[in-house]
């Protein structure tokens, strides 16, 4: 029994070491917010994890990340995945070509962004959500690729 407990602890410790710290999460959120409000598409695109991603999905993600430029971020936060989120990830989604796709990096959190846009015609608000994964000691927005 003792050997099993020791073996399990060695298996769990590396997984805990991979979890992003609150400071790393804050840096990711701050980087996203600053780039969005500065209309810095290059920095936003740099947050995308694209290894193994579908080219059409990548173009869609780039477009969606910049489509509301001009707005002000009223709220942005990383939240834990819900049971529904985990089911969506496990089930995958249909891509533009009808084939099943999944994130190329396992999501560990969800980025929830609320924005407000004002112009001469009034104001509007919008919200968006995107999964966030971790690789190479950094947080990324994983772009979907072919489901395996």
Protein backbone atom coordinates (compact mmCIF):
# COMPACT_ATOMS: atom_id res chain seq x y z
CA UNK A 1 0.00 0.00 0.00
CA UNK A 2 2.84 2.39 0.88
CA UNK A 3 4.49 1.76 -2.51
CA UNK A 4 1.21 2.58 -4.26
CA UNK A 5 0.87 5.86 -2.34
CA UNK A 6 4.46 6.82 -3.16
CA UNK A 7 3.99 5.94 -6.84
CA UNK A 8 0.78 7.98 -7.03
CA UNK A 9 2.42 10.96 -5.35
CA UNK A 10 5.19 10.94 -7.97
CA UNK A 11 2.54 10.85 -10.69
CA UNK A 12 0.58 13.76 -9.19
CA UNK A 13 3.47 16.10 -8.32
CA UNK A 14 4.56 16.71 -11.95
CA UNK A 15 0.95 17.45 -12.93
CA UNK A 16 0.69 20.03 -10.16
CA UNK A 17 3.95 21.62 -11.27
CA UNK A 18 2.45 22.21 -14.73
CA UNK A 19 -0.48 24.27 -13.41
CA UNK A 20 -0.11 27.96 -14.18
CA UNK A 21 0.41 30.16 -11.17
CA UNK A 22 -2.02 32.99 -10.37
CA UNK A 23 0.70 35.42 -11.54
CA UNK A 24 1.01 33.62 -14.90
CA UNK A 25 -2.77 33.63 -15.30
CA UNK A 26 -2.88 37.36 -14.53
CA UNK A 27 -0.11 38.04 -17.04
CA UNK A 28 -2.00 36.11 -19.74
CA UNK A 29 -5.25 38.00 -19.06
CA UNK A 30 -3.43 41.36 -18.92
CA UNK A 31 -1.59 40.63 -22.18
CA UNK A 32 -4.85 39.73 -23.93
CA UNK A 33 -6.67 42.82 -22.62
CA UNK A 34 -3.85 45.22 -23.46
CA UNK A 35 -3.43 43.79 -26.98
CA UNK A 36 -7.16 43.83 -27.64
CA UNK A 37 -7.60 47.45 -26.54
CA UNK A 38 -4.50 48.49 -28.52
CA UNK A 39 -5.87 46.66 -31.61
CA UNK A 40 -2.63 44.63 -31.63
CA UNK A 41 -3.53 41.64 -33.78
CA UNK A 42 0.06 40.39 -33.84
CA UNK A 43 0.18 39.97 -30.05
CA UNK A 44 -3.30 38.39 -29.94
CA UNK A 45 -2.36 35.94 -32.69
CA UNK A 46 0.79 35.15 -30.69
CA UNK A 47 -1.45 33.76 -27.93
CA UNK A 48 -2.80 31.08 -30.27
CA UNK A 49 -1.45 27.54 -29.97
CA UNK A 50 -1.42 26.38 -33.59
CA UNK A 51 0.69 23.20 -33.63
CA UNK A 52 -1.48 20.60 -35.39
CA UNK A 53 -4.37 23.02 -35.92
CA UNK A 54 -6.67 23.15 -38.92
CA UNK A 55 -5.74 26.04 -41.29
CA UNK A 56 -9.39 27.12 -41.73
CA UNK A 57 -9.95 27.05 -37.96
CA UNK A 58 -6.82 29.15 -37.49
CA UNK A 59 -8.05 31.81 -39.90
CA UNK A 60 -11.45 31.80 -38.17
CA UNK A 61 -9.85 32.25 -34.73
CA UNK A 62 -7.70 35.13 -35.98
CA UNK A 63 -10.76 36.82 -37.47
CA UNK A 64 -12.87 36.34 -34.33
CA UNK A 65 -10.15 37.68 -32.03
CA UNK A 66 -10.03 40.96 -33.95
CA UNK A 67 -13.66 41.34 -35.09
CA UNK A 68 -14.70 43.56 -32.18
CA UNK A 69 -11.65 45.83 -32.24
CA UNK A 70 -12.63 49.28 -31.11
CA UNK A 71 -14.48 48.09 -28.05
CA UNK A 72 -13.45 48.42 -24.44
CA UNK A 73 -12.97 45.34 -22.31
CA UNK A 74 -15.39 45.68 -19.40
CA UNK A 75 -14.59 42.28 -17.89
CA UNK A 76 -12.01 39.62 -18.60
CA UNK A 77 -11.23 36.59 -16.50
CA UNK A 78 -9.97 33.03 -16.57
CA UNK A 79 -12.50 30.65 -15.05
CA UNK A 80 -12.46 26.96 -14.26
CA UNK A 81 -14.03 24.61 -16.77
CA UNK A 82 -17.57 23.49 -16.01
CA UNK A 83 -18.81 19.92 -16.50
CA UNK A 84 -20.54 21.16 -19.68
CA UNK A 85 -17.26 22.64 -20.96
CA UNK A 86 -15.45 19.36 -20.34
CA UNK A 87 -18.18 17.49 -22.22
CA UNK A 88 -17.90 19.89 -25.20
CA UNK A 89 -14.15 19.33 -25.27
CA UNK A 90 -14.51 15.54 -25.08
CA UNK A 91 -17.27 15.45 -27.73
CA UNK A 92 -15.46 17.78 -30.14
CA UNK A 93 -17.16 19.97 -32.73
CA UNK A 94 -17.81 19.93 -36.44
CA UNK A 95 -15.35 21.95 -38.47
CA UNK A 96 -16.06 23.96 -41.63
CA UNK A 97 -15.66 20.82 -43.73
CA UNK A 98 -18.03 18.79 -41.53
CA UNK A 99 -15.25 16.69 -39.97
CA UNK A 100 -14.92 16.44 -36.19
CA UNK A 101 -12.37 18.70 -34.53
CA UNK A 102 -10.95 19.06 -31.03
CA UNK A 103 -8.59 21.56 -29.39
CA UNK A 104 -4.98 20.64 -30.21
CA UNK A 105 -4.05 21.40 -26.61
CA UNK A 106 -6.09 20.18 -23.66
CA UNK A 107 -7.96 23.15 -22.18
CA UNK A 108 -7.49 23.81 -18.47
CA UNK A 109 -9.44 27.08 -18.16
CA UNK A 110 -11.83 29.27 -20.10
CA UNK A 111 -11.23 32.94 -20.95
CA UNK A 112 -14.45 34.94 -20.61
CA UNK A 113 -14.39 38.41 -22.18
CA UNK A 114 -17.09 41.09 -22.09
CA UNK A 115 -16.74 44.18 -24.24
CA UNK A 116 -18.61 47.41 -24.86
CA UNK A 117 -18.55 49.44 -28.05
CA UNK A 118 -19.80 53.01 -28.25
CA UNK A 119 -20.28 55.15 -31.33
CA UNK A 120 -22.57 57.90 -32.60
CA UNK A 121 -25.42 55.36 -32.97
CA UNK A 122 -25.28 54.23 -29.35
CA UNK A 123 -23.56 51.43 -27.53
CA UNK A 124 -23.53 47.65 -27.62
CA UNK A 125 -22.11 44.92 -25.48
CA UNK A 126 -20.87 41.48 -26.37
CA UNK A 127 -19.28 38.56 -24.65
CA UNK A 128 -17.12 35.69 -25.82
CA UNK A 129 -15.53 32.62 -24.38
CA UNK A 130 -12.53 30.62 -25.49
CA UNK A 131 -10.69 27.69 -24.00
CA UNK A 132 -7.16 28.11 -22.67
CA UNK A 133 -4.56 25.36 -22.40
CA UNK A 134 -1.03 25.11 -21.14
CA UNK A 135 2.13 24.02 -22.96
CA UNK A 136 5.81 24.80 -22.67
CA UNK A 137 5.20 26.62 -19.37
CA UNK A 138 2.81 29.12 -20.99
CA UNK A 139 -0.92 29.61 -21.36
CA UNK A 140 -2.32 29.48 -24.91
CA UNK A 141 -5.60 29.63 -26.78
CA UNK A 142 -5.69 26.24 -28.54
CA UNK A 143 -6.95 26.30 -32.11
CA UNK A 144 -8.90 23.14 -33.05
CA UNK A 145 -7.44 20.45 -35.24
CA UNK A 146 -8.66 17.09 -36.56
CA UNK A 147 -10.18 14.88 -33.86
CA UNK A 148 -8.21 11.70 -33.34
